[in-house]
Amino acid sequence: MTREEKIKKAALIAVAHHIELEKAEALKAQSSTNSSWSRTGIKMMMTKRKIVQLRGRSLRSA
């Protein structure tokens, strides 16, 4: 293998590695977006439960 072929091979490996890292980062960003939406949904559900509990307490005390 000549010097030029070795350099080309190293460049191809570096580019492939970089592409794999970008794919992994994109998947990670996508999953964090999904988890943030699910956390928001959970917070909304907990808020609704709290409101229902507070209304129930106020009705009982009246």
C-alpha atoms as a PDB file:
ATOM      1  CA  MET A   1       0.000   0.000   0.000  1.00  0.00           C
ATOM      2  CA  THR A   2       1.454   3.343  -0.989  1.00  0.00           C
ATOM      3  CA  ARG A   3       1.607   6.408   1.214  1.00  0.00           C
ATOM      4  CA  GLU A   4      -1.247   8.084  -0.693  1.00  0.00           C
ATOM      5  CA  GLU A   5      -3.474   5.022  -0.294  1.00  0.00           C
ATOM      6  CA  LYS A   6      -2.788   4.957   3.440  1.00  0.00           C
ATOM      7  CA  ILE A   7      -3.707   8.640   3.734  1.00  0.00           C
ATOM      8  CA  LYS A   8      -6.930   8.099   1.744  1.00  0.00           C
ATOM      9  CA  LYS A   9      -7.837   5.089   3.890  1.00  0.00           C
ATOM     10  CA  ALA A  10      -7.221   7.053   7.094  1.00  0.00           C
ATOM     11  CA  ALA A  11      -9.346   9.939   5.789  1.00  0.00           C
ATOM     12  CA  LEU A  12     -12.205   7.577   4.901  1.00  0.00           C
ATOM     13  CA  ILE A  13     -12.096   5.992   8.347  1.00  0.00           C
ATOM     14  CA  ALA A  14     -12.100   9.420  10.006  1.00  0.00           C
ATOM     15  CA  VAL A  15     -15.082  10.579   7.941  1.00  0.00           C
ATOM     16  CA  ALA A  16     -17.023   7.377   8.664  1.00  0.00           C
ATOM     17  CA  HIS A  17     -16.312   7.749  12.377  1.00  0.00           C
ATOM     18  CA  HIS A  18     -17.452  11.378  12.318  1.00  0.00           C
ATOM     19  CA  ILE A  19     -20.699  10.418  10.559  1.00  0.00           C
ATOM     20  CA  GLU A  20     -21.378   7.712  13.159  1.00  0.00           C
ATOM     21  CA  LEU A  21     -20.833  10.233  15.962  1.00  0.00           C
ATOM     22  CA  GLU A  22     -23.245  12.680  14.322  1.00  0.00           C
ATOM     23  CA  LYS A  23     -25.882   9.936  13.977  1.00  0.00           C
ATOM     24  CA  ALA A  24     -25.514   9.006  17.640  1.00  0.00           C
ATOM     25  CA  GLU A  25     -25.757  12.648  18.677  1.00  0.00           C
ATOM     26  CA  ALA A  26     -28.878  13.158  16.550  1.00  0.00           C
ATOM     27  CA  LEU A  27     -30.550  10.114  18.115  1.00  0.00           C
ATOM     28  CA  LYS A  28     -29.614  11.343  21.574  1.00  0.00           C
ATOM     29  CA  ALA A  29     -31.060  14.792  20.851  1.00  0.00           C
ATOM     30  CA  GLN A  30     -34.256  13.229  19.524  1.00  0.00           C
ATOM     31  CA  SER A  31     -34.704  11.037  22.581  1.00  0.00           C
ATOM     32  CA  SER A  32     -34.082  13.953  24.934  1.00  0.00           C
ATOM     33  CA  THR A  33     -36.760  15.931  23.087  1.00  0.00           C
ATOM     34  CA  ASN A  34     -39.193  13.047  23.531  1.00  0.00           C
ATOM     35  CA  SER A  35     -38.371  12.716  27.212  1.00  0.00           C
ATOM     36  CA  SER A  36     -38.838  16.440  27.762  1.00  0.00           C
ATOM     37  CA  TRP A  37     -42.312  16.213  26.240  1.00  0.00           C
ATOM     38  CA  SER A  38     -43.159  13.243  28.441  1.00  0.00           C
ATOM     39  CA  ARG A  39     -41.893  15.111  31.516  1.00  0.00           C
ATOM     40  CA  THR A  40     -44.125  18.039  30.576  1.00  0.00           C
ATOM     41  CA  GLY A  41     -47.100  15.689  30.278  1.00  0.00           C
ATOM     42  CA  ILE A  42     -46.365  14.164  33.676  1.00  0.00           C
ATOM     43  CA  LYS A  43     -46.139  17.623  35.250  1.00  0.00           C
ATOM     44  CA  MET A  44     -49.505  18.551  33.736  1.00  0.00           C
ATOM     45  CA  MET A  45     -51.110  15.375  35.085  1.00  0.00           C
ATOM     46  CA  MET A  46     -49.706  16.011  38.557  1.00  0.00           C
ATOM     47  CA  THR A  47     -51.001  19.584  38.449  1.00  0.00           C
ATOM     48  CA  LYS A  48     -54.477  18.331  37.525  1.00  0.00           C
ATOM     49  CA  ARG A  49     -54.382  15.812  40.387  1.00  0.00           C
ATOM     50  CA  LYS A  50     -53.351  18.522  42.831  1.00  0.00           C
ATOM     51  CA  ILE A  51     -56.209  20.766  41.700  1.00  0.00           C
ATOM     52  CA  VAL A  52     -58.721  17.938  42.070  1.00  0.00           C
ATOM     53  CA  GLN A  53     -57.420  17.125  45.560  1.00  0.00           C
ATOM     54  CA  LEU A  54     -57.561  20.761  46.645  1.00  0.00           C
ATOM     55  CA  ARG A  55     -61.108  21.153  45.318  1.00  0.00           C
ATOM     56  CA  GLY A  56     -62.158  18.023  47.169  1.00  0.00           C
ATOM     57  CA  ARG A  57     -60.683  19.323  50.419  1.00  0.00           C
ATOM     58  CA  SER A  58     -62.352  22.701  50.048  1.00  0.00           C
ATOM     59  CA  LEU A  59     -65.725  21.073  49.363  1.00  0.00           C
ATOM     60  CA  ARG A  60     -65.390  18.841  52.431  1.00  0.00           C
ATOM     61  CA  SER A  61     -64.456  21.732  54.699  1.00  0.00           C
ATOM     62  CA  ALA A  62     -67.336  23.946  53.515  1.00  0.00           C
END
